[in-house]
Amino acid sequence: MDVLRKLADKLIGLSAFFGSVGLILVVLVILADVIGRFFNAPLLGARDVFEMTMVIVVFGGMALCDRQGGHIAMDLFERYYPPRINRWIDALSAALGAVLFLAIAWMVYESAKLSVMLNISTNLLDLPKAWFQWCLSALAVITAFAMIVRSLELFLGKEDVRNPTGVL
């Protein structure tokens, strides 16, 4: 299990790295576009780069968000349940999240196959849309893998990576 946790943490770091690079690229593109607009020469294709890179930014941060417990959680009844029940609920929630992210990955991958077949690309820069769809699929699989590892850890009674103190 420790090997899976180390692998998941490495993949989470890789995913967050891609998201960070995407965020830096988006900021630079917006900065260049705003400065260009001031001089009446906007950056050609800024919208194409922005839209496609935001996919990487959003899905690049998903695994890290889950690792740090940043996803939305409804804890209305948590204080009424014993810690063991709360742990099982967390484990089932992580497993369900993994299923959802795998479904997203598959659907986007299938869409990428259509994009390749139909040669779909961005409007101005003619960037192939499939590249970004493959990236989204890979990042969604990484998030699903991290959620599966967390779910297994919770089912096996290991310490919750989101709550290392063990206090609920």
Protein backbone atom coordinates (compact mmCIF):
# COMPACT_ATOMS: atom_id res chain seq x y z
CA MET A 1 0.00 0.00 0.00
CA ASP A 2 2.91 2.34 0.70
CA VAL A 3 4.16 1.86 -2.85
CA LEU A 4 0.73 2.85 -4.21
CA ARG A 5 0.66 5.92 -1.95
CA LYS A 6 4.13 7.00 -3.13
CA LEU A 7 3.13 6.48 -6.76
CA ALA A 8 -0.12 8.39 -6.23
CA ASP A 9 1.75 11.27 -4.58
CA LYS A 10 4.25 11.42 -7.46
CA LEU A 11 1.42 11.46 -10.00
CA ILE A 12 -0.44 14.10 -7.99
CA GLY A 13 2.72 16.22 -8.05
CA LEU A 14 3.06 15.73 -11.81
CA SER A 15 -0.56 16.65 -12.33
CA ALA A 16 -0.19 19.78 -10.20
CA PHE A 17 2.98 20.68 -12.12
CA PHE A 18 1.09 20.57 -15.43
CA GLY A 19 -1.69 22.65 -13.91
CA SER A 20 0.85 25.20 -12.62
CA VAL A 21 2.59 25.47 -15.98
CA GLY A 22 -0.82 25.91 -17.60
CA LEU A 23 -1.70 28.65 -15.13
CA ILE A 24 1.55 30.49 -15.81
CA LEU A 25 0.90 30.21 -19.56
CA VAL A 26 -2.65 31.57 -19.14
CA VAL A 27 -1.38 34.53 -17.11
CA LEU A 28 1.32 35.31 -19.69
CA VAL A 29 -1.15 35.05 -22.59
CA ILE A 30 -3.65 37.34 -20.84
CA LEU A 31 -0.89 39.79 -19.96
CA ALA A 32 0.40 39.86 -23.54
CA ASP A 33 -3.15 40.22 -24.89
CA VAL A 34 -4.02 43.10 -22.55
CA ILE A 35 -0.80 44.93 -23.34
CA GLY A 36 -1.35 44.27 -27.04
CA ARG A 37 -4.90 45.62 -26.84
CA PHE A 38 -3.56 48.79 -25.24
CA PHE A 39 -1.41 49.30 -28.34
CA ASN A 40 -4.32 48.26 -30.60
CA ALA A 41 -2.62 44.96 -31.49
CA PRO A 42 -4.24 42.10 -29.51
CA LEU A 43 -2.51 38.74 -29.33
CA LEU A 44 -3.71 36.53 -32.17
CA GLY A 45 -5.24 33.31 -30.84
CA ALA A 46 -5.22 34.36 -27.19
CA ARG A 47 -8.73 32.99 -26.73
CA ASP A 48 -7.75 29.64 -28.28
CA VAL A 49 -4.76 29.26 -25.97
CA PHE A 50 -6.74 30.46 -22.96
CA GLU A 51 -9.65 28.05 -23.47
CA MET A 52 -7.52 24.99 -24.16
CA THR A 53 -5.04 25.72 -21.36
CA MET A 54 -7.78 26.23 -18.79
CA VAL A 55 -8.64 22.54 -19.26
CA ILE A 56 -5.13 21.69 -18.09
CA VAL A 57 -5.29 24.19 -15.22
CA VAL A 58 -8.59 22.87 -13.87
CA PHE A 59 -7.95 19.16 -14.23
CA GLY A 60 -4.29 19.53 -13.28
CA GLY A 61 -5.34 20.68 -9.84
CA MET A 62 -8.09 18.13 -9.22
CA ALA A 63 -5.86 15.40 -7.78
CA LEU A 64 -4.10 17.84 -5.46
CA CYS A 65 -7.46 19.27 -4.40
CA ASP A 66 -8.61 15.79 -3.40
CA ARG A 67 -5.30 15.02 -1.67
CA GLN A 68 -5.67 18.11 0.50
CA GLY A 69 -9.38 17.60 1.18
CA GLY A 70 -10.43 20.59 -0.88
CA HIS A 71 -13.48 19.11 -2.57
CA ILE A 72 -16.89 20.13 -1.32
CA ALA A 73 -18.15 17.99 1.56
CA MET A 74 -21.47 18.02 3.34
CA ASP A 75 -20.85 17.25 7.00
CA LEU A 76 -24.30 17.91 8.42
CA PHE A 77 -24.54 14.56 10.17
CA GLU A 78 -20.83 13.81 10.65
CA ARG A 79 -20.82 14.82 14.30
CA TYR A 80 -23.70 12.40 15.03
CA TYR A 81 -21.94 9.35 13.55
CA PRO A 82 -19.11 7.46 15.16
CA PRO A 83 -15.64 7.92 13.58
CA ARG A 84 -15.80 4.45 12.02
CA ILE A 85 -18.99 5.25 10.07
CA ASN A 86 -17.53 8.59 8.96
CA ARG A 87 -14.44 6.76 7.74
CA TRP A 88 -16.55 4.36 5.67
CA ILE A 89 -18.53 7.27 4.22
CA ASP A 90 -15.26 8.98 3.26
CA ALA A 91 -13.98 5.77 1.67
CA LEU A 92 -17.18 5.27 -0.32
CA SER A 93 -17.16 8.93 -1.38
CA ALA A 94 -13.59 8.59 -2.66
CA ALA A 95 -14.52 5.42 -4.55
CA LEU A 96 -17.53 7.13 -6.10
CA GLY A 97 -15.37 10.12 -7.04
CA ALA A 98 -12.91 7.77 -8.73
CA VAL A 99 -15.72 6.21 -10.75
CA LEU A 100 -16.90 9.66 -11.82
CA PHE A 101 -13.43 10.77 -12.87
CA LEU A 102 -12.90 7.53 -14.80
CA ALA A 103 -16.21 8.14 -16.58
CA ILE A 104 -15.07 11.68 -17.46
CA ALA A 105 -11.75 10.33 -18.71
CA TRP A 106 -13.42 7.73 -20.90
CA MET A 107 -16.01 10.09 -22.37
CA VAL A 108 -13.39 12.73 -23.18
CA TYR A 109 -11.11 10.06 -24.68
CA GLU A 110 -13.97 8.90 -26.91
CA SER A 111 -14.56 12.52 -27.87
CA ALA A 112 -10.85 12.86 -28.71
CA LYS A 113 -11.15 9.96 -31.13
CA LEU A 114 -13.93 11.86 -32.89
CA SER A 115 -11.83 15.02 -32.89
CA VAL A 116 -9.02 13.14 -34.60
CA MET A 117 -11.36 11.55 -37.12
CA LEU A 118 -13.03 14.89 -37.95
CA ASN A 119 -9.79 16.89 -37.66
CA ILE A 120 -11.31 19.35 -35.16
CA SER A 121 -9.04 22.19 -34.12
CA THR A 122 -9.18 25.62 -32.50
CA ASN A 123 -10.51 28.56 -34.49
CA LEU A 124 -7.52 30.82 -35.05
CA LEU A 125 -4.38 28.87 -34.25
CA ASP A 126 -5.59 25.56 -35.66
CA LEU A 127 -4.38 23.64 -32.58
CA PRO A 128 -5.68 20.06 -32.64
CA LYS A 129 -8.39 19.75 -30.00
CA ALA A 130 -7.57 16.08 -29.42
CA TRP A 131 -4.27 16.93 -27.70
CA PHE A 132 -6.06 18.81 -24.97
CA GLN A 133 -8.71 16.09 -24.68
CA TRP A 134 -6.00 13.45 -24.23
CA CYS A 135 -4.38 15.61 -21.58
CA LEU A 136 -7.72 16.03 -19.78
CA SER A 137 -8.25 12.25 -19.90
CA ALA A 138 -4.81 11.56 -18.46
CA LEU A 139 -5.28 14.10 -15.67
CA ALA A 140 -8.72 12.66 -14.84
CA VAL A 141 -7.21 9.14 -14.67
CA ILE A 142 -4.51 10.42 -12.29
CA THR A 143 -7.21 11.96 -10.08
CA ALA A 144 -9.20 8.71 -10.15
CA PHE A 145 -6.10 6.69 -9.25
CA ALA A 146 -5.36 8.99 -6.30
CA MET A 147 -8.97 8.66 -5.12
CA ILE A 148 -8.84 4.87 -5.41
CA VAL A 149 -5.66 4.75 -3.34
CA ARG A 150 -7.21 7.01 -0.68
CA SER A 151 -10.36 4.89 -0.65
CA LEU A 152 -8.35 1.68 -0.21
CA GLU A 153 -6.33 3.26 2.59
CA LEU A 154 -9.51 4.27 4.40
CA PHE A 155 -11.09 0.83 3.94
CA LEU A 156 -7.93 -0.82 5.27
CA GLY A 157 -7.86 1.43 8.35
CA LYS A 158 -4.80 3.44 7.39
CA GLU A 159 -4.38 7.09 8.29
CA ASP A 160 -6.38 9.52 6.16
CA VAL A 161 -3.92 11.52 4.03
CA ARG A 162 -6.24 14.52 4.25
CA ASN A 163 -6.37 14.36 8.05
CA PRO A 164 -3.01 13.09 9.34
CA THR A 165 -3.81 13.78 12.98
CA GLY A 166 -6.70 11.31 12.89
CA VAL A 167 -9.03 13.77 14.64
CA LEU A 168 -12.44 13.99 13.01
